[in-house]
C-alpha cells in the first residue's frame, strides 16, 4: 500500500479480489491493468502471473479479471469476466 494507483510492479490499478495461499503469498486480480499478480510475503513489488498485456481475448490476455483461486498444486484459476471464461 501507499504506492498510488498505476501499472508498475509495486502498484495496483483496480484491485477486485485477493487470495492468500498457505505460504502467505497474496494473489490479486487487478482489473484496471488486466492482470493477476502475486506478492510474496514481505515483498516490495509483485510479479505478474497472468495477463499484463492489456485487455484482449487471446490466451495470454485477460479482460477485467475478477475472482481467482489457487489450488494445492499452485494452479491459478481466474474468472476472466469480459472474455466470459475461466483461465488456468
PDB file of N, CA and C in Angstrom:
ATOM      1  N   UNK A   1       0.821  -1.192   0.000  1.00  0.00           N
ATOM      2  CA  UNK A   1       0.000   0.000   0.000  1.00  0.00           C
ATOM      3  C   UNK A   1       0.857   1.243   0.000  1.00  0.00           C
ATOM      4  N   UNK A   2       0.223   2.349  -0.258  1.00  0.00           N
ATOM      5  CA  UNK A   2       0.883   3.628  -0.221  1.00  0.00           C
ATOM      6  C   UNK A   2       1.661   3.983  -1.465  1.00  0.00           C
ATOM      7  N   UNK A   3       1.586   3.172  -2.512  1.00  0.00           N
ATOM      8  CA  UNK A   3       2.343   3.446  -3.736  1.00  0.00           C
ATOM      9  C   UNK A   3       1.505   4.095  -4.820  1.00  0.00           C
ATOM     10  N   UNK A   4       0.248   4.388  -4.541  1.00  0.00           N
ATOM     11  CA  UNK A   4      -0.616   5.020  -5.525  1.00  0.00           C
ATOM     12  C   UNK A   4      -1.130   4.030  -6.554  1.00  0.00           C
ATOM     13  N   UNK A   5      -2.040   4.515  -7.383  1.00  0.00           N
ATOM     14  CA  UNK A   5      -2.657   3.688  -8.423  1.00  0.00           C
ATOM     15  C   UNK A   5      -1.909   3.863  -9.734  1.00  0.00           C
ATOM     16  N   UNK A   6      -1.445   2.753 -10.313  1.00  0.00           N
ATOM     17  CA  UNK A   6      -0.776   2.792 -11.608  1.00  0.00           C
ATOM     18  C   UNK A   6      -0.496   1.362 -12.044  1.00  0.00           C
ATOM     19  N   UNK A   7       0.392   1.189 -13.015  1.00  0.00           N
ATOM     20  CA  UNK A   7       0.614  -0.114 -13.639  1.00  0.00           C
ATOM     21  C   UNK A   7       1.984  -0.719 -13.361  1.00  0.00           C
ATOM     22  N   UNK A   8       2.804  -0.076 -12.538  1.00  0.00           N
ATOM     23  CA  UNK A   8       4.117  -0.623 -12.216  1.00  0.00           C
ATOM     24  C   UNK A   8       3.979  -1.850 -11.317  1.00  0.00           C
ATOM     25  N   UNK A   9       5.060  -2.601 -11.143  1.00  0.00           N
ATOM     26  CA  UNK A   9       5.019  -3.839 -10.364  1.00  0.00           C
ATOM     27  C   UNK A   9       4.828  -3.616  -8.867  1.00  0.00           C
ATOM     28  N   UNK A  10       5.013  -2.395  -8.390  1.00  0.00           N
ATOM     29  CA  UNK A  10       4.771  -2.102  -6.976  1.00  0.00           C
ATOM     30  C   UNK A  10       3.432  -1.387  -6.774  1.00  0.00           C
ATOM     31  N   UNK A  11       2.586  -1.385  -7.812  1.00  0.00           N
ATOM     32  CA  UNK A  11       1.307  -0.687  -7.752  1.00  0.00           C
ATOM     33  C   UNK A  11       0.178  -1.560  -8.291  1.00  0.00           C
ATOM     34  N   UNK A  12      -1.037  -1.175  -7.940  1.00  0.00           N
ATOM     35  CA  UNK A  12      -2.237  -1.813  -8.471  1.00  0.00           C
ATOM     36  C   UNK A  12      -3.123  -0.730  -9.056  1.00  0.00           C
ATOM     37  N   UNK A  13      -3.927  -1.110 -10.036  1.00  0.00           N
ATOM     38  CA  UNK A  13      -4.796  -0.140 -10.677  1.00  0.00           C
ATOM     39  C   UNK A  13      -6.231  -0.229 -10.166  1.00  0.00           C
ATOM     40  N   UNK A  14      -6.821  -1.401 -10.135  1.00  0.00           N
ATOM     41  CA  UNK A  14      -8.198  -1.562  -9.672  1.00  0.00           C
ATOM     42  C   UNK A  14      -8.331  -2.962  -9.091  1.00  0.00           C
ATOM     43  N   UNK A  15      -7.948  -3.095  -7.850  1.00  0.00           N
ATOM     44  CA  UNK A  15      -7.964  -4.383  -7.161  1.00  0.00           C
ATOM     45  C   UNK A  15      -9.397  -4.877  -6.996  1.00  0.00           C
ATOM     46  N   UNK A  16      -9.658  -6.127  -7.429  1.00  0.00           N
ATOM     47  CA  UNK A  16     -11.011  -6.664  -7.302  1.00  0.00           C
ATOM     48  C   UNK A  16     -11.095  -7.926  -6.468  1.00  0.00           C
ATOM     49  N   UNK A  17     -10.005  -8.651  -6.246  1.00  0.00           N
ATOM     50  CA  UNK A  17     -10.074  -9.885  -5.477  1.00  0.00           C
ATOM     51  C   UNK A  17      -8.705 -10.210  -4.905  1.00  0.00           C
ATOM     52  N   UNK A  18      -8.707 -10.794  -3.714  1.00  0.00           N
ATOM     53  CA  UNK A  18      -7.466 -11.183  -3.040  1.00  0.00           C
ATOM     54  C   UNK A  18      -7.577 -12.636  -2.603  1.00  0.00           C
ATOM     55  N   UNK A  19      -6.505 -13.405  -2.806  1.00  0.00           N
ATOM     56  CA  UNK A  19      -6.432 -14.787  -2.337  1.00  0.00           C
ATOM     57  C   UNK A  19      -5.095 -14.956  -1.636  1.00  0.00           C
ATOM     58  N   UNK A  20      -5.118 -15.459  -0.409  1.00  0.00           N
ATOM     59  CA  UNK A  20      -3.890 -15.711   0.347  1.00  0.00           C
ATOM     60  C   UNK A  20      -3.642 -17.210   0.364  1.00  0.00           C
ATOM     61  N   UNK A  21      -2.464 -17.633  -0.132  1.00  0.00           N
ATOM     62  CA  UNK A  21      -2.173 -19.070  -0.172  1.00  0.00           C
ATOM     63  C   UNK A  21      -1.458 -19.511   1.109  1.00  0.00           C
ATOM     64  N   UNK A  22      -1.234 -20.817   1.290  1.00  0.00           N
ATOM     65  CA  UNK A  22      -0.650 -21.321   2.540  1.00  0.00           C
ATOM     66  C   UNK A  22       0.725 -20.756   2.897  1.00  0.00           C
ATOM     67  N   UNK A  23       1.519 -20.337   1.898  1.00  0.00           N
ATOM     68  CA  UNK A  23       2.830 -19.759   2.232  1.00  0.00           C
ATOM     69  C   UNK A  23       2.752 -18.252   2.467  1.00  0.00           C
ATOM     70  N   UNK A  24       1.536 -17.737   2.617  1.00  0.00           N
ATOM     71  CA  UNK A  24       1.240 -16.333   2.897  1.00  0.00           C
ATOM     72  C   UNK A  24       1.543 -15.404   1.735  1.00  0.00           C
ATOM     73  N   UNK A  25       1.637 -15.943   0.532  1.00  0.00           N
ATOM     74  CA  UNK A  25       1.705 -15.103  -0.660  1.00  0.00           C
ATOM     75  C   UNK A  25       0.298 -14.607  -0.958  1.00  0.00           C
ATOM     76  N   UNK A  26       0.222 -13.389  -1.470  1.00  0.00           N
ATOM     77  CA  UNK A  26      -1.062 -12.786  -1.793  1.00  0.00           C
ATOM     78  C   UNK A  26      -1.195 -12.712  -3.305  1.00  0.00           C
ATOM     79  N   UNK A  27      -2.280 -13.249  -3.840  1.00  0.00           N
ATOM     80  CA  UNK A  27      -2.602 -13.162  -5.257  1.00  0.00           C
ATOM     81  C   UNK A  27      -3.726 -12.142  -5.400  1.00  0.00           C
ATOM     82  N   UNK A  28      -3.592 -11.222  -6.338  1.00  0.00           N
ATOM     83  CA  UNK A  28      -4.620 -10.198  -6.531  1.00  0.00           C
ATOM     84  C   UNK A  28      -5.022 -10.122  -7.996  1.00  0.00           C
ATOM     85  N   UNK A  29      -6.306  -9.943  -8.221  1.00  0.00           N
ATOM     86  CA  UNK A  29      -6.759  -9.661  -9.585  1.00  0.00           C
ATOM     87  C   UNK A  29      -6.844  -8.143  -9.711  1.00  0.00           C
ATOM     88  N   UNK A  30      -6.106  -7.617 -10.666  1.00  0.00           N
ATOM     89  CA  UNK A  30      -6.003  -6.181 -10.913  1.00  0.00           C
ATOM     90  C   UNK A  30      -6.785  -5.878 -12.186  1.00  0.00           C
ATOM     91  N   UNK A  31      -8.045  -5.551 -12.001  1.00  0.00           N
ATOM     92  CA  UNK A  31      -8.952  -5.340 -13.130  1.00  0.00           C
ATOM     93  C   UNK A  31      -8.498  -4.201 -14.039  1.00  0.00           C
ATOM     94  N   UNK A  32      -8.012  -3.122 -13.461  1.00  0.00           N
ATOM     95  CA  UNK A  32      -7.600  -1.972 -14.257  1.00  0.00           C
ATOM     96  C   UNK A  32      -6.401  -2.243 -15.145  1.00  0.00           C
ATOM     97  N   UNK A  33      -5.526  -3.153 -14.718  1.00  0.00           N
ATOM     98  CA  UNK A  33      -4.335  -3.498 -15.501  1.00  0.00           C
ATOM     99  C   UNK A  33      -4.511  -4.790 -16.284  1.00  0.00           C
ATOM    100  N   UNK A  34      -5.671  -5.434 -16.153  1.00  0.00           N
ATOM    101  CA  UNK A  34      -5.971  -6.692 -16.868  1.00  0.00           C
ATOM    102  C   UNK A  34      -4.903  -7.749 -16.589  1.00  0.00           C
ATOM    103  N   UNK A  35      -4.612  -7.925 -15.283  1.00  0.00           N
ATOM    104  CA  UNK A  35      -3.571  -8.878 -14.907  1.00  0.00           C
ATOM    105  C   UNK A  35      -3.868  -9.464 -13.527  1.00  0.00           C
ATOM    106  N   UNK A  36      -3.169 -10.553 -13.215  1.00  0.00           N
ATOM    107  CA  UNK A  36      -3.169 -11.129 -11.877  1.00  0.00           C
ATOM    108  C   UNK A  36      -1.730 -11.092 -11.390  1.00  0.00           C
ATOM    109  N   UNK A  37      -1.551 -10.624 -10.160  1.00  0.00           N
ATOM    110  CA  UNK A  37      -0.212 -10.502  -9.593  1.00  0.00           C
ATOM    111  C   UNK A  37      -0.089 -11.339  -8.332  1.00  0.00           C
ATOM    112  N   UNK A  38       1.140 -11.748  -8.051  1.00  0.00           N
ATOM    113  CA  UNK A  38       1.455 -12.475  -6.821  1.00  0.00           C
ATOM    114  C   UNK A  38       2.455 -11.643  -6.032  1.00  0.00           C
ATOM    115  N   UNK A  39       2.161 -11.476  -4.763  1.00  0.00           N
ATOM    116  CA  UNK A  39       3.042 -10.747  -3.860  1.00  0.00           C
ATOM    117  C   UNK A  39       3.514 -11.726  -2.798  1.00  0.00           C
ATOM    118  N   UNK A  40       4.796 -12.050  -2.783  1.00  0.00           N
ATOM    119  CA  UNK A  40       5.368 -12.919  -1.757  1.00  0.00           C
ATOM    120  C   UNK A  40       5.375 -12.161  -0.426  1.00  0.00           C
ATOM    121  N   UNK A  41       5.382 -12.899   0.655  1.00  0.00           N
ATOM    122  CA  UNK A  41       5.402 -12.283   1.981  1.00  0.00           C
ATOM    123  C   UNK A  41       6.576 -11.313   2.089  1.00  0.00           C
ATOM    124  N   UNK A  42       6.303 -10.091   2.532  1.00  0.00           N
ATOM    125  CA  UNK A  42       7.286  -9.024   2.750  1.00  0.00           C
ATOM    126  C   UNK A  42       7.885  -8.457   1.463  1.00  0.00           C
ATOM    127  N   UNK A  43       7.340  -8.798   0.297  1.00  0.00           N
ATOM    128  CA  UNK A  43       7.864  -8.274  -0.976  1.00  0.00           C
ATOM    129  C   UNK A  43       7.517  -6.793  -1.126  1.00  0.00           C
ATOM    130  N   UNK A  44       8.375  -6.059  -1.804  1.00  0.00           N
ATOM    131  CA  UNK A  44       8.147  -4.644  -2.094  1.00  0.00           C
ATOM    132  C   UNK A  44       7.430  -4.445  -3.418  1.00  0.00           C
ATOM    133  N   UNK A  45       7.437  -5.484  -4.263  1.00  0.00           N
ATOM    134  CA  UNK A  45       6.704  -5.431  -5.525  1.00  0.00           C
ATOM    135  C   UNK A  45       6.223  -6.827  -5.866  1.00  0.00           C
ATOM    136  N   UNK A  46       5.200  -6.876  -6.714  1.00  0.00           N
ATOM    137  CA  UNK A  46       4.633  -8.152  -7.106  1.00  0.00           C
ATOM    138  C   UNK A  46       5.218  -8.668  -8.406  1.00  0.00           C
ATOM    139  N   UNK A  47       4.832  -9.895  -8.756  1.00  0.00           N
ATOM    140  CA  UNK A  47       5.186 -10.457 -10.054  1.00  0.00           C
ATOM    141  C   UNK A  47       3.887 -10.758 -10.794  1.00  0.00           C
ATOM    142  N   UNK A  48       3.899 -10.553 -12.082  1.00  0.00           N
ATOM    143  CA  UNK A  48       2.723 -10.816 -12.903  1.00  0.00           C
ATOM    144  C   UNK A  48       2.666 -12.313 -13.190  1.00  0.00           C
ATOM    145  N   UNK A  49       1.537 -12.940 -12.873  1.00  0.00           N
ATOM    146  CA  UNK A  49       1.382 -14.372 -13.126  1.00  0.00           C
ATOM    147  C   UNK A  49       0.403 -14.651 -14.259  1.00  0.00           C
ATOM    148  N   UNK A  50      -0.361 -13.659 -14.678  1.00  0.00           N
ATOM    149  CA  UNK A  50      -1.272 -13.803 -15.824  1.00  0.00           C
ATOM    150  C   UNK A  50      -1.642 -12.420 -16.331  1.00  0.00           C
ATOM    151  N   UNK A  51      -1.803 -12.315 -17.637  1.00  0.00           N
ATOM    152  CA  UNK A  51      -2.206 -11.052 -18.238  1.00  0.00           C
ATOM    153  C   UNK A  51      -1.060 -10.077 -18.373  1.00  0.00           C
ATOM    154  N   UNK A  52      -1.365  -8.787 -18.172  1.00  0.00           N
ATOM    155  CA  UNK A  52      -0.416  -7.673 -18.228  1.00  0.00           C
ATOM    156  C   UNK A  52      -0.037  -7.275 -19.648  1.00  0.00           C
ATOM    157  N   UNK A  53      -0.769  -7.726 -20.617  1.00  0.00           N
ATOM    158  CA  UNK A  53      -0.519  -7.319 -21.998  1.00  0.00           C
ATOM    159  C   UNK A  53      -1.611  -6.366 -22.475  1.00  0.00           C
ATOM    160  N   UNK A  54      -2.367  -5.815 -21.568  1.00  0.00           N
ATOM    161  CA  UNK A  54      -3.534  -5.016 -21.916  1.00  0.00           C
ATOM    162  C   UNK A  54      -4.723  -5.934 -22.127  1.00  0.00           C
ATOM    163  N   UNK A  55      -5.888  -5.347 -22.264  1.00  0.00           N
ATOM    164  CA  UNK A  55      -7.109  -6.135 -22.456  1.00  0.00           C
ATOM    165  C   UNK A  55      -7.055  -6.865 -23.787  1.00  0.00           C
ATOM    166  N   UNK A  56      -7.574  -8.085 -23.808  1.00  0.00           N
ATOM    167  CA  UNK A  56      -7.622  -8.855 -25.044  1.00  0.00           C
ATOM    168  C   UNK A  56      -8.267 -10.194 -24.809  1.00  0.00           C
ATOM    169  N   UNK A  57      -8.445 -10.964 -25.889  1.00  0.00           N
ATOM    170  CA  UNK A  57      -9.118 -12.259 -25.751  1.00  0.00           C
ATOM    171  C   UNK A  57      -8.244 -13.450 -26.133  1.00  0.00           C
ATOM    172  N   UNK A  58      -6.952 -13.240 -26.390  1.00  0.00           N
ATOM    173  CA  UNK A  58      -6.069 -14.382 -26.638  1.00  0.00           C
ATOM    174  C   UNK A  58      -5.770 -15.063 -25.304  1.00  0.00           C
ATOM    175  N   UNK A  59      -5.121 -16.217 -25.334  1.00  0.00           N
ATOM    176  CA  UNK A  59      -4.831 -16.944 -24.100  1.00  0.00           C
ATOM    177  C   UNK A  59      -3.855 -16.211 -23.182  1.00  0.00           C
ATOM    178  N   UNK A  60      -3.049 -15.297 -23.724  1.00  0.00           N
ATOM    179  CA  UNK A  60      -2.114 -14.560 -22.868  1.00  0.00           C
ATOM    180  C   UNK A  60      -2.704 -13.258 -22.328  1.00  0.00           C
ATOM    181  N   UNK A  61      -3.922 -12.949 -22.721  1.00  0.00           N
ATOM    182  CA  UNK A  61      -4.582 -11.726 -22.274  1.00  0.00           C
ATOM    183  C   UNK A  61      -5.719 -12.028 -21.309  1.00  0.00           C
ATOM    184  N   UNK A  62      -6.012 -11.065 -20.469  1.00  0.00           N
ATOM    185  CA  UNK A  62      -7.207 -11.068 -19.641  1.00  0.00           C
ATOM    186  C   UNK A  62      -7.984  -9.797 -19.958  1.00  0.00           C
ATOM    187  N   UNK A  63      -9.280  -9.822 -19.669  1.00  0.00           N
ATOM    188  CA  UNK A  63     -10.111  -8.645 -19.894  1.00  0.00           C
ATOM    189  C   UNK A  63     -11.030  -8.499 -18.690  1.00  0.00           C
ATOM    190  N   UNK A  64     -10.600  -7.706 -17.747  1.00  0.00           N
ATOM    191  CA  UNK A  64     -11.261  -7.487 -16.458  1.00  0.00           C
ATOM    192  C   UNK A  64     -11.304  -8.753 -15.607  1.00  0.00           C
ATOM    193  N   UNK A  65     -10.148  -9.230 -15.148  1.00  0.00           N
ATOM    194  CA  UNK A  65     -10.154 -10.385 -14.243  1.00  0.00           C
ATOM    195  C   UNK A  65     -10.818 -10.016 -12.921  1.00  0.00           C
ATOM    196  N   UNK A  66     -11.653 -10.904 -12.447  1.00  0.00           N
ATOM    197  CA  UNK A  66     -12.342 -10.652 -11.180  1.00  0.00           C
ATOM    198  C   UNK A  66     -11.854 -11.640 -10.127  1.00  0.00           C
ATOM    199  N   UNK A  67     -12.570 -12.713  -9.875  1.00  0.00           N
ATOM    200  CA  UNK A  67     -12.188 -13.666  -8.843  1.00  0.00           C
ATOM    201  C   UNK A  67     -11.057 -14.573  -9.273  1.00  0.00           C
ATOM    202  N   UNK A  68     -10.419 -15.202  -8.282  1.00  0.00           N
ATOM    203  CA  UNK A  68      -9.377 -16.184  -8.557  1.00  0.00           C
ATOM    204  C   UNK A  68      -9.250 -17.129  -7.373  1.00  0.00           C
ATOM    205  N   UNK A  69      -8.749 -18.319  -7.661  1.00  0.00           N
ATOM    206  CA  UNK A  69      -8.491 -19.336  -6.647  1.00  0.00           C
ATOM    207  C   UNK A  69      -7.163 -19.993  -6.985  1.00  0.00           C
ATOM    208  N   UNK A  70      -6.386 -20.323  -5.962  1.00  0.00           N
ATOM    209  CA  UNK A  70      -5.137 -21.059  -6.133  1.00  0.00           C
ATOM    210  C   UNK A  70      -5.312 -22.398  -5.426  1.00  0.00           C
ATOM    211  N   UNK A  71      -5.095 -23.502  -6.162  1.00  0.00           N
ATOM    212  CA  UNK A  71      -5.275 -24.820  -5.545  1.00  0.00           C
ATOM    213  C   UNK A  71      -3.986 -25.291  -4.866  1.00  0.00           C
ATOM    214  N   UNK A  72      -4.035 -26.493  -4.282  1.00  0.00           N
ATOM    215  CA  UNK A  72      -2.894 -27.014  -3.521  1.00  0.00           C
ATOM    216  C   UNK A  72      -1.672 -27.298  -4.386  1.00  0.00           C
ATOM    217  N   UNK A  73      -1.840 -27.380  -5.709  1.00  0.00           N
ATOM    218  CA  UNK A  73      -0.713 -27.568  -6.629  1.00  0.00           C
ATOM    219  C   UNK A  73      -0.223 -26.242  -7.203  1.00  0.00           C
ATOM    220  N   UNK A  74      -0.745 -25.144  -6.681  1.00  0.00           N
ATOM    221  CA  UNK A  74      -0.426 -23.782  -7.094  1.00  0.00           C
ATOM    222  C   UNK A  74      -0.932 -23.438  -8.487  1.00  0.00           C
ATOM    223  N   UNK A  75      -1.924 -24.174  -8.990  1.00  0.00           N
ATOM    224  CA  UNK A  75      -2.614 -23.774 -10.213  1.00  0.00           C
ATOM    225  C   UNK A  75      -3.520 -22.602  -9.870  1.00  0.00           C
ATOM    226  N   UNK A  76      -3.538 -21.611 -10.736  1.00  0.00           N
ATOM    227  CA  UNK A  76      -4.365 -20.430 -10.514  1.00  0.00           C
ATOM    228  C   UNK A  76      -5.531 -20.474 -11.495  1.00  0.00           C
ATOM    229  N   UNK A  77      -6.731 -20.346 -10.976  1.00  0.00           N
ATOM    230  CA  UNK A  77      -7.948 -20.309 -11.788  1.00  0.00           C
ATOM    231  C   UNK A  77      -8.515 -18.900 -11.690  1.00  0.00           C
ATOM    232  N   UNK A  78      -8.667 -18.254 -12.844  1.00  0.00           N
ATOM    233  CA  UNK A  78      -9.044 -16.842 -12.889  1.00  0.00           C
ATOM    234  C   UNK A  78     -10.380 -16.683 -13.602  1.00  0.00           C
ATOM    235  N   UNK A  79     -11.264 -15.912 -13.001  1.00  0.00           N
ATOM    236  CA  UNK A  79     -12.507 -15.537 -13.665  1.00  0.00           C
ATOM    237  C   UNK A  79     -12.192 -14.347 -14.567  1.00  0.00           C
ATOM    238  N   UNK A  80     -12.118 -14.601 -15.867  1.00  0.00           N
ATOM    239  CA  UNK A  80     -11.808 -13.580 -16.870  1.00  0.00           C
ATOM    240  C   UNK A  80     -13.143 -13.019 -17.363  1.00  0.00           C
ATOM    241  N   UNK A  81     -13.655 -12.040 -16.659  1.00  0.00           N
ATOM    242  CA  UNK A  81     -15.045 -11.589 -16.763  1.00  0.00           C
ATOM    243  C   UNK A  81     -15.491 -11.224 -18.178  1.00  0.00           C
ATOM    244  N   UNK A  82     -14.840 -10.276 -18.805  1.00  0.00           N
ATOM    245  CA  UNK A  82     -15.320  -9.803 -20.110  1.00  0.00           C
ATOM    246  C   UNK A  82     -15.012 -10.754 -21.257  1.00  0.00           C
ATOM    247  N   UNK A  83     -14.182 -11.766 -21.021  1.00  0.00           N
ATOM    248  CA  UNK A  83     -13.982 -12.822 -22.015  1.00  0.00           C
ATOM    249  C   UNK A  83     -14.881 -14.023 -21.740  1.00  0.00           C
ATOM    250  N   UNK A  84     -15.676 -13.950 -20.665  1.00  0.00           N
ATOM    251  CA  UNK A  84     -16.655 -14.995 -20.336  1.00  0.00           C
ATOM    252  C   UNK A  84     -16.004 -16.374 -20.265  1.00  0.00           C
ATOM    253  N   UNK A  85     -14.907 -16.463 -19.481  1.00  0.00           N
ATOM    254  CA  UNK A  85     -14.200 -17.739 -19.380  1.00  0.00           C
ATOM    255  C   UNK A  85     -13.476 -17.843 -18.037  1.00  0.00           C
ATOM    256  N   UNK A  86     -13.107 -19.067 -17.708  1.00  0.00           N
ATOM    257  CA  UNK A  86     -12.221 -19.337 -16.581  1.00  0.00           C
ATOM    258  C   UNK A  86     -10.878 -19.731 -17.184  1.00  0.00           C
ATOM    259  N   UNK A  87      -9.809 -19.094 -16.733  1.00  0.00           N
ATOM    260  CA  UNK A  87      -8.466 -19.341 -17.257  1.00  0.00           C
ATOM    261  C   UNK A  87      -7.636 -20.022 -16.175  1.00  0.00           C
ATOM    262  N   UNK A  88      -6.876 -21.039 -16.572  1.00  0.00           N
ATOM    263  CA  UNK A  88      -5.949 -21.681 -15.639  1.00  0.00           C
ATOM    264  C   UNK A  88      -4.536 -21.363 -16.058  1.00  0.00           C
TER     265      UNK A  88
END
